[in-house]
Amino acid sequence: MKRILPLAAIEIFVWIALILCIVIIGRFAFEISLGSATLMERIATQTVRLAISCAAVLLWLVSWKKVTERYFWRTIGRPSETT
């Protein structure tokens, strides 16, 4: 049970962070409009949307990596239990 609870907490954290990234991309990134009259405005709009979406996904991946690394090294550092 001691090993399942931290893994479940990591799983819940990852899903909540993923849902937040989806909200950021869906609500904020697609709402950005720098204009659509000219080709350059459309390119600028799509570039900003892509940059925000990539930043959100990278933030999610880096946070997931940090949490799992911390769990891994904490688990490795513990003395092994023999039952």
PDB file of N, CA and C in Angstrom:
ATOM      1  N   MET A   1       0.821  -1.187   0.000  1.00  0.00           N
ATOM      2  CA  MET A   1       0.000   0.000   0.000  1.00  0.00           C
ATOM      3  C   MET A   1       0.872   1.261   0.000  1.00  0.00           C
ATOM      4  N   LYS A   2       2.045   1.172   0.654  1.00  0.00           N
ATOM      5  CA  LYS A   2       2.944   2.320   0.706  1.00  0.00           C
ATOM      6  C   LYS A   2       3.450   2.702  -0.675  1.00  0.00           C
ATOM      7  N   ARG A   3       3.578   1.743  -1.538  1.00  0.00           N
ATOM      8  CA  ARG A   3       4.113   2.015  -2.873  1.00  0.00           C
ATOM      9  C   ARG A   3       3.027   2.416  -3.856  1.00  0.00           C
ATOM     10  N   ILE A   4       1.806   2.021  -3.609  1.00  0.00           N
ATOM     11  CA  ILE A   4       0.719   2.326  -4.526  1.00  0.00           C
ATOM     12  C   ILE A   4       0.257   3.771  -4.371  1.00  0.00           C
ATOM     13  N   LEU A   5       0.204   4.280  -3.168  1.00  0.00           N
ATOM     14  CA  LEU A   5      -0.285   5.640  -2.952  1.00  0.00           C
ATOM     15  C   LEU A   5       0.567   6.704  -3.652  1.00  0.00           C
ATOM     16  N   PRO A   6       1.899   6.666  -3.558  1.00  0.00           N
ATOM     17  CA  PRO A   6       2.675   7.663  -4.313  1.00  0.00           C
ATOM     18  C   PRO A   6       2.495   7.546  -5.828  1.00  0.00           C
ATOM     19  N   LEU A   7       2.392   6.339  -6.328  1.00  0.00           N
ATOM     20  CA  LEU A   7       2.171   6.165  -7.762  1.00  0.00           C
ATOM     21  C   LEU A   7       0.803   6.688  -8.179  1.00  0.00           C
ATOM     22  N   ALA A   8      -0.194   6.457  -7.346  1.00  0.00           N
ATOM     23  CA  ALA A   8      -1.529   6.992  -7.633  1.00  0.00           C
ATOM     24  C   ALA A   8      -1.517   8.520  -7.585  1.00  0.00           C
ATOM     25  N   ALA A   9      -0.779   9.085  -6.649  1.00  0.00           N
ATOM     26  CA  ALA A   9      -0.678  10.542  -6.569  1.00  0.00           C
ATOM     27  C   ALA A   9       0.008  11.110  -7.813  1.00  0.00           C
ATOM     28  N   ILE A  10       1.042  10.441  -8.283  1.00  0.00           N
ATOM     29  CA  ILE A  10       1.716  10.878  -9.511  1.00  0.00           C
ATOM     30  C   ILE A  10       0.748  10.800 -10.682  1.00  0.00           C
ATOM     31  N   GLU A  11       0.000   9.738 -10.768  1.00  0.00           N
ATOM     32  CA  GLU A  11      -0.966   9.568 -11.859  1.00  0.00           C
ATOM     33  C   GLU A  11      -2.032  10.663 -11.833  1.00  0.00           C
ATOM     34  N   ILE A  12      -2.540  10.961 -10.661  1.00  0.00           N
ATOM     35  CA  ILE A  12      -3.545  12.021 -10.535  1.00  0.00           C
ATOM     36  C   ILE A  12      -2.946  13.372 -10.899  1.00  0.00           C
ATOM     37  N   PHE A  13      -1.727  13.649 -10.436  1.00  0.00           N
ATOM     38  CA  PHE A  13      -1.049  14.900 -10.784  1.00  0.00           C
ATOM     39  C   PHE A  13      -0.874  15.038 -12.286  1.00  0.00           C
ATOM     40  N   VAL A  14      -0.447  13.973 -12.938  1.00  0.00           N
ATOM     41  CA  VAL A  14      -0.204  14.011 -14.375  1.00  0.00           C
ATOM     42  C   VAL A  14      -1.506  14.262 -15.127  1.00  0.00           C
ATOM     43  N   TRP A  15      -2.581  13.618 -14.730  1.00  0.00           N
ATOM     44  CA  TRP A  15      -3.859  13.823 -15.413  1.00  0.00           C
ATOM     45  C   TRP A  15      -4.402  15.226 -15.190  1.00  0.00           C
ATOM     46  N   ILE A  16      -4.280  15.747 -13.984  1.00  0.00           N
ATOM     47  CA  ILE A  16      -4.746  17.113 -13.726  1.00  0.00           C
ATOM     48  C   ILE A  16      -3.919  18.116 -14.532  1.00  0.00           C
ATOM     49  N   ALA A  17      -2.617  17.931 -14.569  1.00  0.00           N
ATOM     50  CA  ALA A  17      -1.763  18.821 -15.348  1.00  0.00           C
ATOM     51  C   ALA A  17      -2.079  18.712 -16.834  1.00  0.00           C
ATOM     52  N   LEU A  18      -2.351  17.524 -17.317  1.00  0.00           N
ATOM     53  CA  LEU A  18      -2.707  17.331 -18.722  1.00  0.00           C
ATOM     54  C   LEU A  18      -4.017  18.038 -19.052  1.00  0.00           C
ATOM     55  N   ILE A  19      -4.989  17.926 -18.180  1.00  0.00           N
ATOM     56  CA  ILE A  19      -6.264  18.603 -18.397  1.00  0.00           C
ATOM     57  C   ILE A  19      -6.076  20.120 -18.387  1.00  0.00           C
ATOM     58  N   LEU A  20      -5.224  20.620 -17.490  1.00  0.00           N
ATOM     59  CA  LEU A  20      -4.943  22.060 -17.475  1.00  0.00           C
ATOM     60  C   LEU A  20      -4.268  22.509 -18.767  1.00  0.00           C
ATOM     61  N   CYS A  21      -3.375  21.704 -19.293  1.00  0.00           N
ATOM     62  CA  CYS A  21      -2.739  22.042 -20.572  1.00  0.00           C
ATOM     63  C   CYS A  21      -3.764  22.069 -21.696  1.00  0.00           C
ATOM     64  N   ILE A  22      -4.690  21.135 -21.687  1.00  0.00           N
ATOM     65  CA  ILE A  22      -5.737  21.117 -22.706  1.00  0.00           C
ATOM     66  C   ILE A  22      -6.599  22.369 -22.595  1.00  0.00           C
ATOM     67  N   VAL A  23      -6.910  22.783 -21.374  1.00  0.00           N
ATOM     68  CA  VAL A  23      -7.701  24.000 -21.171  1.00  0.00           C
ATOM     69  C   VAL A  23      -6.927  25.218 -21.659  1.00  0.00           C
ATOM     70  N   ILE A  24      -5.637  25.282 -21.339  1.00  0.00           N
ATOM     71  CA  ILE A  24      -4.823  26.410 -21.793  1.00  0.00           C
ATOM     72  C   ILE A  24      -4.805  26.472 -23.320  1.00  0.00           C
ATOM     73  N   ILE A  25      -4.618  25.345 -23.944  1.00  0.00           N
ATOM     74  CA  ILE A  25      -4.569  25.321 -25.402  1.00  0.00           C
ATOM     75  C   ILE A  25      -5.945  25.636 -25.990  1.00  0.00           C
ATOM     76  N   GLY A  26      -6.969  25.014 -25.455  1.00  0.00           N
ATOM     77  CA  GLY A  26      -8.311  25.189 -26.009  1.00  0.00           C
ATOM     78  C   GLY A  26      -8.920  26.550 -25.751  1.00  0.00           C
ATOM     79  N   ARG A  27      -8.736  27.071 -24.562  1.00  0.00           N
ATOM     80  CA  ARG A  27      -9.383  28.336 -24.215  1.00  0.00           C
ATOM     81  C   ARG A  27      -8.551  29.562 -24.539  1.00  0.00           C
ATOM     82  N   PHE A  28      -7.245  29.474 -24.364  1.00  0.00           N
ATOM     83  CA  PHE A  28      -6.416  30.658 -24.522  1.00  0.00           C
ATOM     84  C   PHE A  28      -5.700  30.702 -25.869  1.00  0.00           C
ATOM     85  N   ALA A  29      -5.104  29.622 -26.252  1.00  0.00           N
ATOM     86  CA  ALA A  29      -4.305  29.640 -27.482  1.00  0.00           C
ATOM     87  C   ALA A  29      -5.184  29.863 -28.709  1.00  0.00           C
ATOM     88  N   PHE A  30      -6.348  29.223 -28.751  1.00  0.00           N
ATOM     89  CA  PHE A  30      -7.196  29.366 -29.927  1.00  0.00           C
ATOM     90  C   PHE A  30      -8.000  30.661 -29.920  1.00  0.00           C
ATOM     91  N   GLU A  31      -8.011  31.366 -28.809  1.00  0.00           N
ATOM     92  CA  GLU A  31      -8.685  32.659 -28.749  1.00  0.00           C
ATOM     93  C   GLU A  31      -7.812  33.798 -29.264  1.00  0.00           C
ATOM     94  N   ILE A  32      -6.537  33.563 -29.407  1.00  0.00           N
ATOM     95  CA  ILE A  32      -5.617  34.600 -29.857  1.00  0.00           C
ATOM     96  C   ILE A  32      -5.868  34.887 -31.335  1.00  0.00           C
ATOM     97  N   SER A  33      -6.013  36.155 -31.636  1.00  0.00           N
ATOM     98  CA  SER A  33      -6.197  36.561 -33.018  1.00  0.00           C
ATOM     99  C   SER A  33      -5.459  37.876 -33.236  1.00  0.00           C
ATOM    100  N   LEU A  34      -4.440  37.824 -34.041  1.00  0.00           N
ATOM    101  CA  LEU A  34      -3.679  39.019 -34.365  1.00  0.00           C
ATOM    102  C   LEU A  34      -4.146  39.612 -35.686  1.00  0.00           C
ATOM    103  N   GLY A  35      -5.259  39.135 -36.159  1.00  0.00           N
ATOM    104  CA  GLY A  35      -5.818  39.607 -37.416  1.00  0.00           C
ATOM    105  C   GLY A  35      -5.831  38.504 -38.446  1.00  0.00           C
ATOM    106  N   SER A  36      -6.696  38.659 -39.429  1.00  0.00           N
ATOM    107  CA  SER A  36      -6.757  37.658 -40.494  1.00  0.00           C
ATOM    108  C   SER A  36      -6.907  38.311 -41.860  1.00  0.00           C
ATOM    109  N   ALA A  37      -6.633  39.580 -41.930  1.00  0.00           N
ATOM    110  CA  ALA A  37      -6.801  40.298 -43.199  1.00  0.00           C
ATOM    111  C   ALA A  37      -5.676  39.974 -44.176  1.00  0.00           C
ATOM    112  N   THR A  38      -4.455  39.895 -43.664  1.00  0.00           N
ATOM    113  CA  THR A  38      -3.328  39.641 -44.559  1.00  0.00           C
ATOM    114  C   THR A  38      -2.691  38.300 -44.230  1.00  0.00           C
ATOM    115  N   LEU A  39      -1.881  37.860 -45.146  1.00  0.00           N
ATOM    116  CA  LEU A  39      -1.176  36.592 -44.948  1.00  0.00           C
ATOM    117  C   LEU A  39      -0.234  36.666 -43.740  1.00  0.00           C
ATOM    118  N   MET A  40       0.447  37.771 -43.572  1.00  0.00           N
ATOM    119  CA  MET A  40       1.383  37.924 -42.451  1.00  0.00           C
ATOM    120  C   MET A  40       0.652  37.890 -41.101  1.00  0.00           C
ATOM    121  N   GLU A  41      -0.528  38.477 -41.015  1.00  0.00           N
ATOM    122  CA  GLU A  41      -1.301  38.437 -39.768  1.00  0.00           C
ATOM    123  C   GLU A  41      -1.732  37.010 -39.447  1.00  0.00           C
ATOM    124  N   ARG A  42      -2.150  36.276 -40.456  1.00  0.00           N
ATOM    125  CA  ARG A  42      -2.552  34.881 -40.230  1.00  0.00           C
ATOM    126  C   ARG A  42      -1.361  34.030 -39.810  1.00  0.00           C
ATOM    127  N   ILE A  43      -0.213  34.250 -40.432  1.00  0.00           N
ATOM    128  CA  ILE A  43       1.001  33.507 -40.061  1.00  0.00           C
ATOM    129  C   ILE A  43       1.415  33.857 -38.635  1.00  0.00           C
ATOM    130  N   ALA A  44       1.358  35.146 -38.283  1.00  0.00           N
ATOM    131  CA  ALA A  44       1.712  35.566 -36.929  1.00  0.00           C
ATOM    132  C   ALA A  44       0.767  34.955 -35.903  1.00  0.00           C
ATOM    133  N   THR A  45      -0.524  34.931 -36.204  1.00  0.00           N
ATOM    134  CA  THR A  45      -1.509  34.346 -35.290  1.00  0.00           C
ATOM    135  C   THR A  45      -1.228  32.868 -35.073  1.00  0.00           C
ATOM    136  N   GLN A  46      -1.012  32.134 -36.156  1.00  0.00           N
ATOM    137  CA  GLN A  46      -0.756  30.700 -36.028  1.00  0.00           C
ATOM    138  C   GLN A  46       0.565  30.420 -35.319  1.00  0.00           C
ATOM    139  N   THR A  47       1.550  31.264 -35.519  1.00  0.00           N
ATOM    140  CA  THR A  47       2.841  31.092 -34.857  1.00  0.00           C
ATOM    141  C   THR A  47       2.713  31.295 -33.358  1.00  0.00           C
ATOM    142  N   VAL A  48       1.983  32.317 -32.944  1.00  0.00           N
ATOM    143  CA  VAL A  48       1.787  32.567 -31.511  1.00  0.00           C
ATOM    144  C   VAL A  48       0.985  31.440 -30.880  1.00  0.00           C
ATOM    145  N   ARG A  49      -0.047  30.984 -31.566  1.00  0.00           N
ATOM    146  CA  ARG A  49      -0.845  29.851 -31.049  1.00  0.00           C
ATOM    147  C   ARG A  49       0.023  28.611 -30.868  1.00  0.00           C
ATOM    148  N   LEU A  50       0.843  28.326 -31.863  1.00  0.00           N
ATOM    149  CA  LEU A  50       1.722  27.165 -31.787  1.00  0.00           C
ATOM    150  C   LEU A  50       2.728  27.301 -30.658  1.00  0.00           C
ATOM    151  N   ALA A  51       3.291  28.490 -30.484  1.00  0.00           N
ATOM    152  CA  ALA A  51       4.279  28.705 -29.420  1.00  0.00           C
ATOM    153  C   ALA A  51       3.656  28.508 -28.041  1.00  0.00           C
ATOM    154  N   ILE A  52       2.455  29.027 -27.834  1.00  0.00           N
ATOM    155  CA  ILE A  52       1.785  28.859 -26.537  1.00  0.00           C
ATOM    156  C   ILE A  52       1.435  27.396 -26.303  1.00  0.00           C
ATOM    157  N   SER A  53       0.947  26.720 -27.322  1.00  0.00           N
ATOM    158  CA  SER A  53       0.606  25.300 -27.185  1.00  0.00           C
ATOM    159  C   SER A  53       1.845  24.461 -26.880  1.00  0.00           C
ATOM    160  N   CYS A  54       2.936  24.721 -27.584  1.00  0.00           N
ATOM    161  CA  CYS A  54       4.179  23.981 -27.336  1.00  0.00           C
ATOM    162  C   CYS A  54       4.719  24.256 -25.940  1.00  0.00           C
ATOM    163  N   ALA A  55       4.638  25.496 -25.496  1.00  0.00           N
ATOM    164  CA  ALA A  55       5.115  25.833 -24.155  1.00  0.00           C
ATOM    165  C   ALA A  55       4.294  25.107 -23.090  1.00  0.00           C
ATOM    166  N   ALA A  56       2.982  25.023 -23.276  1.00  0.00           N
ATOM    167  CA  ALA A  56       2.133  24.321 -22.309  1.00  0.00           C
ATOM    168  C   ALA A  56       2.465  22.839 -22.263  1.00  0.00           C
ATOM    169  N   VAL A  57       2.643  22.230 -23.424  1.00  0.00           N
ATOM    170  CA  VAL A  57       2.963  20.800 -23.469  1.00  0.00           C
ATOM    171  C   VAL A  57       4.349  20.530 -22.887  1.00  0.00           C
ATOM    172  N   LEU A  58       5.315  21.360 -23.208  1.00  0.00           N
ATOM    173  CA  LEU A  58       6.661  21.176 -22.652  1.00  0.00           C
ATOM    174  C   LEU A  58       6.666  21.354 -21.142  1.00  0.00           C
ATOM    175  N   LEU A  59       5.902  22.311 -20.647  1.00  0.00           N
ATOM    176  CA  LEU A  59       5.788  22.495 -19.193  1.00  0.00           C
ATOM    177  C   LEU A  59       5.195  21.252 -18.548  1.00  0.00           C
ATOM    178  N   TRP A  60       4.188  20.658 -19.183  1.00  0.00           N
ATOM    179  CA  TRP A  60       3.585  19.433 -18.668  1.00  0.00           C
ATOM    180  C   TRP A  60       4.601  18.293 -18.663  1.00  0.00           C
ATOM    181  N   LEU A  61       5.331  18.135 -19.746  1.00  0.00           N
ATOM    182  CA  LEU A  61       6.309  17.051 -19.817  1.00  0.00           C
ATOM    183  C   LEU A  61       7.443  17.225 -18.802  1.00  0.00           C
ATOM    184  N   VAL A  62       7.937  18.441 -18.646  1.00  0.00           N
ATOM    185  CA  VAL A  62       9.027  18.687 -17.696  1.00  0.00           C
ATOM    186  C   VAL A  62       8.551  18.457 -16.261  1.00  0.00           C
ATOM    187  N   SER A  63       7.339  18.908 -15.942  1.00  0.00           N
ATOM    188  CA  SER A  63       6.839  18.686 -14.578  1.00  0.00           C
ATOM    189  C   SER A  63       6.632  17.205 -14.308  1.00  0.00           C
ATOM    190  N   TRP A  64       6.134  16.464 -15.286  1.00  0.00           N
ATOM    191  CA  TRP A  64       5.951  15.024 -15.134  1.00  0.00           C
ATOM    192  C   TRP A  64       7.310  14.355 -14.919  1.00  0.00           C
ATOM    193  N   LYS A  65       8.299  14.746 -15.687  1.00  0.00           N
ATOM    194  CA  LYS A  65       9.635  14.167 -15.551  1.00  0.00           C
ATOM    195  C   LYS A  65      10.219  14.451 -14.167  1.00  0.00           C
ATOM    196  N   LYS A  66      10.076  15.681 -13.684  1.00  0.00           N
ATOM    197  CA  LYS A  66      10.619  16.043 -12.366  1.00  0.00           C
ATOM    198  C   LYS A  66       9.953  15.246 -11.254  1.00  0.00           C
ATOM    199  N   VAL A  67       8.640  15.108 -11.325  1.00  0.00           N
ATOM    200  CA  VAL A  67       7.915  14.365 -10.284  1.00  0.00           C
ATOM    201  C   VAL A  67       8.323  12.901 -10.285  1.00  0.00           C
ATOM    202  N   THR A  68       8.402  12.288 -11.459  1.00  0.00           N
ATOM    203  CA  THR A  68       8.763  10.867 -11.506  1.00  0.00           C
ATOM    204  C   THR A  68      10.220  10.635 -11.124  1.00  0.00           C
ATOM    205  N   GLU A  69      11.116  11.559 -11.496  1.00  0.00           N
ATOM    206  CA  GLU A  69      12.515  11.422 -11.084  1.00  0.00           C
ATOM    207  C   GLU A  69      12.643  11.513  -9.567  1.00  0.00           C
ATOM    208  N   ARG A  70      11.932  12.461  -8.981  1.00  0.00           N
ATOM    209  CA  ARG A  70      11.993  12.600  -7.526  1.00  0.00           C
ATOM    210  C   ARG A  70      11.477  11.327  -6.854  1.00  0.00           C
ATOM    211  N   TYR A  71      10.365  10.760  -7.344  1.00  0.00           N
ATOM    212  CA  TYR A  71       9.840   9.520  -6.790  1.00  0.00           C
ATOM    213  C   TYR A  71      10.848   8.380  -6.975  1.00  0.00           C
ATOM    214  N   PHE A  72      11.442   8.290  -8.167  1.00  0.00           N
ATOM    215  CA  PHE A  72      12.396   7.224  -8.452  1.00  0.00           C
ATOM    216  C   PHE A  72      13.580   7.276  -7.493  1.00  0.00           C
ATOM    217  N   TRP A  73      14.198   8.442  -7.359  1.00  0.00           N
ATOM    218  CA  TRP A  73      15.389   8.532  -6.511  1.00  0.00           C
ATOM    219  C   TRP A  73      15.039   8.364  -5.039  1.00  0.00           C
ATOM    220  N   ARG A  74      13.863   8.790  -4.650  1.00  0.00           N
ATOM    221  CA  ARG A  74      13.448   8.576  -3.269  1.00  0.00           C
ATOM    222  C   ARG A  74      13.232   7.079  -3.008  1.00  0.00           C
ATOM    223  N   THR A  75      12.666   6.385  -3.989  1.00  0.00           N
ATOM    224  CA  THR A  75      12.430   4.949  -3.846  1.00  0.00           C
ATOM    225  C   THR A  75      13.743   4.173  -3.865  1.00  0.00           C
ATOM    226  N   ILE A  76      14.666   4.551  -4.718  1.00  0.00           N
ATOM    227  CA  ILE A  76      15.967   3.883  -4.781  1.00  0.00           C
ATOM    228  C   ILE A  76      16.754   4.088  -3.492  1.00  0.00           C
ATOM    229  N   GLY A  77      16.598   5.259  -2.893  1.00  0.00           N
ATOM    230  CA  GLY A  77      17.361   5.564  -1.678  1.00  0.00           C
ATOM    231  C   GLY A  77      16.873   4.851  -0.444  1.00  0.00           C
ATOM    232  N   ARG A  78      15.653   4.337  -0.486  1.00  0.00           N
ATOM    233  CA  ARG A  78      15.112   3.622   0.677  1.00  0.00           C
ATOM    234  C   ARG A  78      15.752   2.248   0.815  1.00  0.00           C
ATOM    235  N   PRO A  79      15.903   1.815   2.049  1.00  0.00           N
ATOM    236  CA  PRO A  79      16.366   0.427   2.230  1.00  0.00           C
ATOM    237  C   PRO A  79      15.260  -0.533   1.777  1.00  0.00           C
ATOM    238  N   SER A  80      15.654  -1.604   1.184  1.00  0.00           N
ATOM    239  CA  SER A  80      14.662  -2.559   0.662  1.00  0.00           C
ATOM    240  C   SER A  80      13.937  -3.267   1.801  1.00  0.00           C
ATOM    241  N   GLU A  81      12.667  -3.489   1.567  1.00  0.00           N
ATOM    242  CA  GLU A  81      11.856  -4.212   2.554  1.00  0.00           C
ATOM    243  C   GLU A  81      11.772  -5.674   2.140  1.00  0.00           C
ATOM    244  N   THR A  82      11.986  -6.538   3.073  1.00  0.00           N
ATOM    245  CA  THR A  82      11.825  -7.962   2.794  1.00  0.00           C
ATOM    246  C   THR A  82      10.651  -8.472   3.615  1.00  0.00           C
ATOM    247  N   THR A  83       9.700  -9.039   2.926  1.00  0.00           N
ATOM    248  CA  THR A  83       8.521  -9.542   3.613  1.00  0.00           C
ATOM    249  C   THR A  83       8.336 -11.002   3.397  1.00  0.00           C
TER     250      THR A  83
END
